[in-house]
N, C-alpha and C. Protein backbone atom coordinates (compact mmCIF):
# COMPACT_ATOMS: atom_id res chain seq x y z
N MET A 1 -84.40 -21.41 -87.19
CA MET A 1 -84.50 -20.07 -87.67
C MET A 1 -85.92 -19.58 -87.47
N ILE A 2 -86.05 -18.35 -87.02
CA ILE A 2 -87.34 -17.68 -86.94
C ILE A 2 -87.26 -16.46 -87.83
N GLY A 3 -88.25 -16.30 -88.68
CA GLY A 3 -88.23 -15.18 -89.61
C GLY A 3 -89.59 -14.82 -90.14
N ILE A 4 -89.59 -13.95 -91.12
CA ILE A 4 -90.80 -13.48 -91.78
C ILE A 4 -90.70 -13.86 -93.24
N VAL A 5 -91.76 -14.46 -93.77
CA VAL A 5 -91.77 -14.89 -95.16
C VAL A 5 -92.92 -14.20 -95.89
N SER A 6 -92.67 -13.78 -97.12
CA SER A 6 -93.69 -13.13 -97.94
C SER A 6 -94.18 -14.10 -99.00
N GLU A 7 -95.48 -14.35 -99.03
CA GLU A 7 -96.06 -15.21 -100.06
C GLU A 7 -95.88 -14.59 -101.44
N LYS A 8 -95.89 -13.27 -101.50
CA LYS A 8 -95.77 -12.56 -102.78
C LYS A 8 -94.31 -12.28 -103.14
N GLN A 9 -93.38 -12.62 -102.24
CA GLN A 9 -91.96 -12.36 -102.45
C GLN A 9 -91.73 -10.90 -102.81
N ASN A 10 -92.32 -10.00 -102.01
CA ASN A 10 -92.31 -8.59 -102.37
C ASN A 10 -91.63 -7.69 -101.34
N ILE A 11 -90.80 -8.22 -100.49
CA ILE A 11 -90.13 -7.39 -99.49
C ILE A 11 -88.99 -6.64 -100.17
N SER A 12 -89.05 -5.34 -100.09
CA SER A 12 -88.06 -4.49 -100.75
C SER A 12 -86.66 -4.77 -100.22
N ARG A 13 -85.69 -4.75 -101.10
CA ARG A 13 -84.29 -4.93 -100.69
C ARG A 13 -83.82 -3.78 -99.83
N GLU A 14 -84.55 -2.68 -99.84
CA GLU A 14 -84.22 -1.52 -99.01
C GLU A 14 -84.73 -1.67 -97.58
N TYR A 15 -85.60 -2.66 -97.34
CA TYR A 15 -86.23 -2.83 -96.03
C TYR A 15 -85.21 -3.22 -94.97
N LYS A 16 -85.31 -2.60 -93.81
CA LYS A 16 -84.47 -2.93 -92.65
C LYS A 16 -85.40 -3.11 -91.45
N VAL A 17 -85.20 -4.16 -90.68
CA VAL A 17 -86.01 -4.43 -89.50
C VAL A 17 -85.77 -3.34 -88.46
N LYS A 18 -86.86 -2.80 -87.93
CA LYS A 18 -86.75 -1.73 -86.93
C LYS A 18 -87.47 -2.08 -85.64
N GLY A 19 -88.03 -3.26 -85.53
CA GLY A 19 -88.72 -3.68 -84.33
C GLY A 19 -87.80 -4.43 -83.39
N LYS A 20 -88.40 -4.96 -82.33
CA LYS A 20 -87.66 -5.76 -81.37
C LYS A 20 -88.52 -6.97 -81.02
N PHE A 21 -87.97 -8.16 -81.20
CA PHE A 21 -88.69 -9.41 -81.02
C PHE A 21 -87.94 -10.31 -80.05
N LYS A 22 -88.69 -10.96 -79.16
CA LYS A 22 -88.06 -11.88 -78.20
C LYS A 22 -88.66 -13.27 -78.41
N ALA A 23 -87.79 -14.27 -78.52
CA ALA A 23 -88.21 -15.67 -78.62
C ALA A 23 -87.74 -16.40 -77.37
N GLU A 24 -88.70 -17.04 -76.69
CA GLU A 24 -88.38 -17.83 -75.50
C GLU A 24 -88.63 -19.30 -75.85
N PHE A 25 -87.68 -20.14 -75.53
CA PHE A 25 -87.73 -21.56 -75.88
C PHE A 25 -87.97 -22.38 -74.62
N PHE A 26 -88.89 -23.35 -74.74
CA PHE A 26 -89.27 -24.20 -73.61
C PHE A 26 -89.24 -25.66 -74.02
N TRP A 27 -88.92 -26.51 -73.07
CA TRP A 27 -89.09 -27.95 -73.22
C TRP A 27 -90.08 -28.35 -72.16
N LYS A 28 -91.23 -28.86 -72.59
CA LYS A 28 -92.37 -29.09 -71.70
C LYS A 28 -92.68 -27.73 -71.07
N ASP A 29 -92.62 -27.62 -69.76
CA ASP A 29 -92.86 -26.32 -69.10
C ASP A 29 -91.57 -25.67 -68.63
N LYS A 30 -90.45 -26.26 -68.96
CA LYS A 30 -89.16 -25.76 -68.46
C LYS A 30 -88.56 -24.75 -69.45
N PHE A 31 -88.25 -23.56 -68.95
CA PHE A 31 -87.60 -22.53 -69.76
C PHE A 31 -86.19 -22.99 -70.10
N LEU A 32 -85.82 -22.90 -71.39
CA LEU A 32 -84.47 -23.27 -71.83
C LEU A 32 -83.59 -22.05 -72.03
N PHE A 33 -84.03 -21.14 -72.91
CA PHE A 33 -83.25 -19.94 -73.19
C PHE A 33 -84.10 -18.96 -73.98
N GLU A 34 -83.58 -17.74 -74.14
CA GLU A 34 -84.27 -16.75 -74.96
C GLU A 34 -83.28 -16.04 -75.86
N LYS A 35 -83.81 -15.50 -76.94
CA LYS A 35 -83.02 -14.70 -77.88
C LYS A 35 -83.84 -13.48 -78.24
N VAL A 36 -83.16 -12.35 -78.45
CA VAL A 36 -83.83 -11.11 -78.83
C VAL A 36 -83.26 -10.65 -80.16
N ALA A 37 -84.15 -10.22 -81.06
CA ALA A 37 -83.73 -9.71 -82.37
C ALA A 37 -84.13 -8.24 -82.47
N THR A 38 -83.19 -7.41 -82.91
CA THR A 38 -83.48 -6.00 -83.15
C THR A 38 -83.12 -5.62 -84.59
N SER A 39 -82.67 -6.59 -85.34
CA SER A 39 -82.34 -6.37 -86.75
C SER A 39 -82.38 -7.72 -87.47
N GLN A 40 -82.25 -7.67 -88.79
CA GLN A 40 -82.26 -8.89 -89.57
C GLN A 40 -80.88 -9.54 -89.53
N ARG A 41 -80.87 -10.88 -89.50
CA ARG A 41 -79.62 -11.63 -89.59
C ARG A 41 -79.25 -11.84 -91.05
N ALA A 42 -80.28 -12.10 -91.86
CA ALA A 42 -80.06 -12.38 -93.28
C ALA A 42 -81.38 -12.23 -94.01
N PHE A 43 -81.30 -12.24 -95.35
CA PHE A 43 -82.49 -12.20 -96.21
C PHE A 43 -82.49 -13.41 -97.11
N TRP A 44 -83.68 -13.83 -97.56
CA TRP A 44 -83.80 -14.89 -98.54
C TRP A 44 -84.14 -14.24 -99.86
N GLN A 45 -83.37 -14.54 -100.85
CA GLN A 45 -83.54 -13.95 -102.19
C GLN A 45 -84.81 -14.45 -102.87
N SER A 46 -85.52 -13.55 -103.54
CA SER A 46 -86.65 -13.96 -104.37
C SER A 46 -86.14 -14.63 -105.63
N ASP A 47 -86.94 -15.51 -106.19
CA ASP A 47 -86.55 -16.22 -107.40
C ASP A 47 -86.40 -15.25 -108.57
N ASN A 48 -85.21 -15.17 -109.12
CA ASN A 48 -84.92 -14.34 -110.30
C ASN A 48 -85.35 -12.88 -110.14
N ASP A 49 -85.38 -12.37 -108.91
CA ASP A 49 -85.78 -10.99 -108.65
C ASP A 49 -84.70 -10.36 -107.78
N HIS A 50 -84.00 -9.40 -108.33
CA HIS A 50 -82.90 -8.78 -107.60
C HIS A 50 -83.34 -7.48 -106.93
N VAL A 51 -84.64 -7.25 -106.85
CA VAL A 51 -85.19 -6.04 -106.25
C VAL A 51 -85.93 -6.36 -104.95
N HIS A 52 -86.39 -7.62 -104.80
CA HIS A 52 -87.19 -8.01 -103.64
C HIS A 52 -86.62 -9.25 -102.95
N TYR A 53 -86.97 -9.38 -101.68
CA TYR A 53 -86.66 -10.59 -100.91
C TYR A 53 -87.94 -11.37 -100.69
N LYS A 54 -87.80 -12.66 -100.46
CA LYS A 54 -88.97 -13.46 -100.09
C LYS A 54 -89.01 -13.73 -98.60
N GLY A 55 -87.95 -13.41 -97.87
CA GLY A 55 -87.98 -13.62 -96.42
C GLY A 55 -86.86 -12.92 -95.70
N ILE A 56 -87.07 -12.79 -94.39
CA ILE A 56 -86.11 -12.14 -93.50
C ILE A 56 -85.83 -13.10 -92.34
N ASP A 57 -84.58 -13.38 -92.09
CA ASP A 57 -84.16 -14.23 -90.99
C ASP A 57 -83.92 -13.32 -89.78
N LEU A 58 -84.68 -13.53 -88.70
CA LEU A 58 -84.55 -12.69 -87.50
C LEU A 58 -83.72 -13.34 -86.40
N ILE A 59 -84.01 -14.60 -86.11
CA ILE A 59 -83.38 -15.28 -84.97
C ILE A 59 -82.90 -16.66 -85.40
N ASP A 60 -81.67 -16.96 -85.08
CA ASP A 60 -81.11 -18.28 -85.32
C ASP A 60 -80.98 -18.96 -83.97
N PHE A 61 -81.28 -20.24 -83.89
CA PHE A 61 -81.20 -20.93 -82.61
C PHE A 61 -80.75 -22.36 -82.81
N GLU A 62 -80.25 -22.94 -81.73
CA GLU A 62 -79.84 -24.34 -81.75
C GLU A 62 -80.47 -25.06 -80.57
N VAL A 63 -81.19 -26.12 -80.87
CA VAL A 63 -81.77 -26.98 -79.85
C VAL A 63 -81.42 -28.40 -80.26
N PRO A 64 -80.79 -29.16 -79.37
CA PRO A 64 -80.49 -30.55 -79.74
C PRO A 64 -81.78 -31.32 -79.98
N LEU A 65 -81.90 -31.90 -81.15
CA LEU A 65 -83.12 -32.61 -81.51
C LEU A 65 -83.03 -34.11 -81.22
N ASN A 66 -81.96 -34.51 -80.57
CA ASN A 66 -81.82 -35.89 -80.13
C ASN A 66 -82.06 -35.94 -78.62
N GLY A 67 -82.32 -37.11 -78.12
CA GLY A 67 -82.50 -37.26 -76.67
C GLY A 67 -83.79 -36.63 -76.19
N LYS A 68 -83.76 -36.10 -74.98
CA LYS A 68 -84.98 -35.64 -74.33
C LYS A 68 -85.63 -34.44 -75.00
N TYR A 69 -84.89 -33.64 -75.77
CA TYR A 69 -85.45 -32.43 -76.37
C TYR A 69 -86.17 -32.68 -77.69
N LYS A 70 -86.17 -33.91 -78.20
CA LYS A 70 -86.74 -34.14 -79.53
C LYS A 70 -88.24 -33.93 -79.59
N ASP A 71 -88.92 -34.01 -78.46
CA ASP A 71 -90.37 -33.79 -78.40
C ASP A 71 -90.68 -32.65 -77.43
N GLU A 72 -91.81 -32.04 -77.65
CA GLU A 72 -92.35 -31.04 -76.74
C GLU A 72 -91.52 -29.77 -76.60
N ILE A 73 -90.89 -29.34 -77.68
CA ILE A 73 -90.23 -28.03 -77.71
C ILE A 73 -91.27 -27.01 -78.12
N SER A 74 -91.30 -25.88 -77.44
CA SER A 74 -92.22 -24.80 -77.83
C SER A 74 -91.48 -23.47 -77.80
N VAL A 75 -92.04 -22.52 -78.55
CA VAL A 75 -91.45 -21.19 -78.66
C VAL A 75 -92.55 -20.17 -78.40
N ARG A 76 -92.24 -19.18 -77.58
CA ARG A 76 -93.16 -18.06 -77.37
C ARG A 76 -92.48 -16.83 -77.94
N LEU A 77 -93.11 -16.24 -78.95
CA LEU A 77 -92.56 -15.05 -79.59
C LEU A 77 -93.33 -13.84 -79.10
N THR A 78 -92.60 -12.83 -78.63
CA THR A 78 -93.20 -11.60 -78.12
C THR A 78 -92.66 -10.43 -78.91
N VAL A 79 -93.55 -9.56 -79.34
CA VAL A 79 -93.14 -8.32 -80.01
C VAL A 79 -92.92 -7.28 -78.92
N LEU A 80 -91.66 -6.91 -78.70
CA LEU A 80 -91.33 -5.92 -77.67
C LEU A 80 -91.50 -4.51 -78.21
N GLU A 81 -91.13 -4.31 -79.46
CA GLU A 81 -91.31 -3.03 -80.14
C GLU A 81 -91.81 -3.34 -81.55
N PRO A 82 -93.03 -2.91 -81.90
CA PRO A 82 -93.58 -3.21 -83.22
C PRO A 82 -92.73 -2.60 -84.33
N ASP A 83 -92.65 -3.30 -85.42
CA ASP A 83 -91.98 -2.80 -86.62
C ASP A 83 -93.06 -2.28 -87.56
N GLU A 84 -93.31 -0.99 -87.51
CA GLU A 84 -94.39 -0.38 -88.29
C GLU A 84 -94.19 -0.56 -89.79
N GLY A 85 -92.97 -0.77 -90.24
CA GLY A 85 -92.69 -0.97 -91.65
C GLY A 85 -93.31 -2.24 -92.21
N LEU A 86 -93.62 -3.20 -91.36
CA LEU A 86 -94.22 -4.46 -91.82
C LEU A 86 -95.66 -4.27 -92.26
N LYS A 87 -96.31 -3.21 -91.79
CA LYS A 87 -97.69 -2.95 -92.20
C LYS A 87 -97.82 -2.83 -93.71
N GLU A 88 -96.78 -2.34 -94.36
CA GLU A 88 -96.77 -2.17 -95.81
C GLU A 88 -97.04 -3.49 -96.54
N TYR A 89 -96.65 -4.60 -95.92
CA TYR A 89 -96.77 -5.91 -96.56
C TYR A 89 -98.06 -6.62 -96.20
N GLY A 90 -98.83 -6.07 -95.27
CA GLY A 90 -100.16 -6.57 -94.93
C GLY A 90 -100.24 -8.06 -94.72
N ASP A 91 -101.21 -8.69 -95.37
CA ASP A 91 -101.46 -10.11 -95.20
C ASP A 91 -100.53 -10.99 -96.03
N SER A 92 -99.59 -10.40 -96.76
CA SER A 92 -98.72 -11.22 -97.59
C SER A 92 -97.54 -11.80 -96.82
N ILE A 93 -97.37 -11.43 -95.53
CA ILE A 93 -96.25 -11.97 -94.75
C ILE A 93 -96.76 -12.88 -93.65
N LYS A 94 -95.91 -13.84 -93.30
CA LYS A 94 -96.22 -14.80 -92.23
C LYS A 94 -94.97 -15.05 -91.41
N LEU A 95 -95.19 -15.46 -90.17
CA LEU A 95 -94.10 -15.87 -89.31
C LEU A 95 -93.67 -17.26 -89.73
N SER A 96 -92.38 -17.49 -89.75
CA SER A 96 -91.86 -18.79 -90.15
C SER A 96 -90.88 -19.28 -89.08
N ILE A 97 -91.05 -20.53 -88.66
CA ILE A 97 -90.10 -21.17 -87.76
C ILE A 97 -89.62 -22.41 -88.48
N GLY A 98 -88.34 -22.44 -88.78
CA GLY A 98 -87.78 -23.54 -89.53
C GLY A 98 -86.74 -24.31 -88.72
N VAL A 99 -86.72 -25.60 -88.90
CA VAL A 99 -85.75 -26.47 -88.23
C VAL A 99 -84.92 -27.14 -89.30
N SER A 100 -83.62 -27.12 -89.10
CA SER A 100 -82.72 -27.72 -90.07
C SER A 100 -81.69 -28.57 -89.33
N ALA A 101 -81.30 -29.64 -89.94
CA ALA A 101 -80.24 -30.48 -89.37
C ALA A 101 -78.88 -29.99 -89.82
N ILE A 102 -78.85 -28.99 -90.66
CA ILE A 102 -77.59 -28.45 -91.17
C ILE A 102 -77.09 -27.38 -90.21
N PRO A 103 -75.88 -27.50 -89.69
CA PRO A 103 -75.35 -26.49 -88.75
C PRO A 103 -75.06 -25.17 -89.43
């Protein structure tokens, strides 16, 4: 999963992604695939706060983590169209890339 996480857990529940983001996946120097996000896939709920989110899920991906792909996977994220709404959150947001063994 690739997304945006807020340290302050202050992303408004009214917020909708309006930018365009491209993620390109590589193994060593070999291009594997790419995904483009133009909206949110899901939100992560803030703890006991029904007004704000703590994160936004933009891109979901699957890379086999066994065999030859288990090492040297890299991701290049490109902002194709900036999401001006993110400026409101300033330095409280960060890019997050998470790997899970759960399908």
